Amino acid sequence: MNSESVLEQRQYPRVAIETDYRLFLHGNHYVGKTSNISANGAFLVIPAPGIPPSSISQFGDLDILLDGQWSHFRCEIIYVGIDGESLSSGAGILNIFAKHLD
């Protein structure tokens, strides 16, 4: 999936929010900062070596620091590459707010 098709699929505006996250995907643990968040997703800036493109369409568990507290979500990796707005490399996550797990 290229960045243009990801842009075409956006239903909600993105807000530049930099906050901590922890992503658990296939036994691997990634930590970093978000570069933006929307009502149905986020872009996670991931330090090298990053998430492999083979992780697209895979599901993971995501903790995001919101208002000083960790919130847990189920997420799907929909894009791995460069965010066109922040020029950061990382992964696009879909539906992190659709199913909030306490």
Protein backbone atom coordinates (compact mmCIF):
# COMPACT_ATOMS: atom_id res chain seq x y z
CA MET A 1 0.00 0.00 0.00
CA ASN A 2 1.53 3.34 -0.94
CA SER A 3 1.16 6.60 0.97
CA GLU A 4 -1.35 8.02 -1.55
CA SER A 5 -3.80 5.17 -1.00
CA VAL A 6 -3.46 5.60 2.77
CA LEU A 7 -4.26 9.31 2.38
CA GLU A 8 -7.33 8.50 0.28
CA GLN A 9 -8.66 6.16 3.00
CA ARG A 10 -8.54 8.74 5.81
CA GLN A 11 -11.98 9.54 7.19
CA TYR A 12 -10.88 11.77 10.06
CA PRO A 13 -8.39 14.63 10.33
CA ARG A 14 -5.09 13.86 12.01
CA VAL A 15 -3.73 15.88 14.91
CA ALA A 16 0.02 16.17 15.52
CA ILE A 17 0.35 14.59 18.96
CA GLU A 18 3.65 13.30 20.27
CA THR A 19 3.08 10.87 23.11
CA ASP A 20 4.68 7.63 24.27
CA TYR A 21 3.51 4.25 23.06
CA ARG A 22 4.34 0.57 23.58
CA LEU A 23 3.49 -1.86 20.78
CA PHE A 24 3.48 -5.64 21.18
CA LEU A 25 3.49 -7.45 17.83
CA HIS A 26 4.38 -11.13 17.23
CA GLY A 27 6.44 -11.42 20.40
CA ASN A 28 8.34 -8.21 19.66
CA HIS A 29 8.14 -5.06 21.77
CA TYR A 30 8.47 -1.62 20.15
CA VAL A 31 8.53 1.70 22.00
CA GLY A 32 8.54 5.23 20.66
CA LYS A 33 6.40 8.30 20.12
CA THR A 34 3.33 8.93 18.01
CA SER A 35 3.63 11.64 15.37
CA ASN A 36 -0.12 12.04 14.87
CA ILE A 37 -3.42 10.58 16.05
CA SER A 38 -6.90 10.60 14.51
CA ALA A 39 -10.27 9.21 15.56
CA ASN A 40 -9.46 5.85 13.95
CA GLY A 41 -5.70 5.53 13.91
CA ALA A 42 -2.22 6.84 14.53
CA PHE A 43 1.25 6.95 13.06
CA LEU A 44 3.91 5.43 15.30
CA VAL A 45 7.49 6.57 14.90
CA ILE A 46 9.58 3.44 15.34
CA PRO A 47 13.35 3.34 15.90
CA ALA A 48 15.44 1.14 13.58
CA PRO A 49 15.18 -1.63 12.61
CA GLY A 50 11.46 -0.90 12.79
CA ILE A 51 8.47 -3.00 11.89
CA PRO A 52 9.01 -5.14 8.78
CA PRO A 53 6.63 -4.54 5.85
CA SER A 54 5.52 -8.18 6.23
CA SER A 55 3.63 -7.02 9.38
CA ILE A 56 1.02 -5.18 7.30
CA SER A 57 -2.47 -6.56 8.06
CA GLN A 58 -1.22 -8.08 11.31
CA PHE A 59 -2.84 -7.33 14.67
CA GLY A 60 -1.07 -6.27 17.85
CA ASP A 61 -1.59 -4.72 21.25
CA LEU A 62 -0.88 -1.04 21.71
CA ASP A 63 -0.54 1.02 24.87
CA ILE A 64 -0.63 4.80 24.40
CA LEU A 65 0.01 7.37 27.11
CA LEU A 66 -3.10 9.60 27.08
CA ASP A 67 -3.72 12.25 29.74
CA GLY A 68 -0.98 10.77 31.93
CA GLN A 69 -2.41 7.23 31.90
CA TRP A 70 -1.72 4.19 29.73
CA SER A 71 -4.66 3.17 27.55
CA HIS A 72 -4.68 -0.24 25.89
CA PHE A 73 -5.98 -0.88 22.36
CA ARG A 74 -6.07 -3.67 19.82
CA CYS A 75 -4.61 -2.43 16.54
CA GLU A 76 -3.89 -3.43 12.96
CA ILE A 77 -0.76 -2.44 11.05
CA ILE A 78 -1.95 -0.88 7.78
CA TYR A 79 1.17 0.90 6.54
CA VAL A 80 4.93 0.71 7.06
CA GLY A 81 7.04 3.53 5.65
CA ILE A 82 7.43 7.30 5.78
CA ASP A 83 4.68 9.58 7.07
CA GLY A 84 4.15 12.26 4.41
CA GLU A 85 3.48 15.03 6.93
CA SER A 86 6.10 14.39 9.62
CA LEU A 87 8.65 12.71 7.30
CA SER A 88 9.22 10.16 10.08
CA SER A 89 9.60 6.46 9.41
CA GLY A 90 7.36 4.06 11.25
CA ALA A 91 3.99 2.37 10.97
CA GLY A 92 0.40 3.46 10.43
CA ILE A 93 -2.07 1.87 12.85
CA LEU A 94 -5.79 1.45 12.17
CA ASN A 95 -8.71 1.51 14.59
CA ILE A 96 -6.81 1.98 17.80
CA PHE A 97 -9.82 3.76 19.28
CA ALA A 98 -12.45 1.38 17.94
CA LYS A 99 -11.94 -1.20 20.67
CA HIS A 100 -10.66 0.23 23.94
CA LEU A 101 -9.57 -2.46 26.38
CA ASP A 102 -9.29 -1.69 30.10
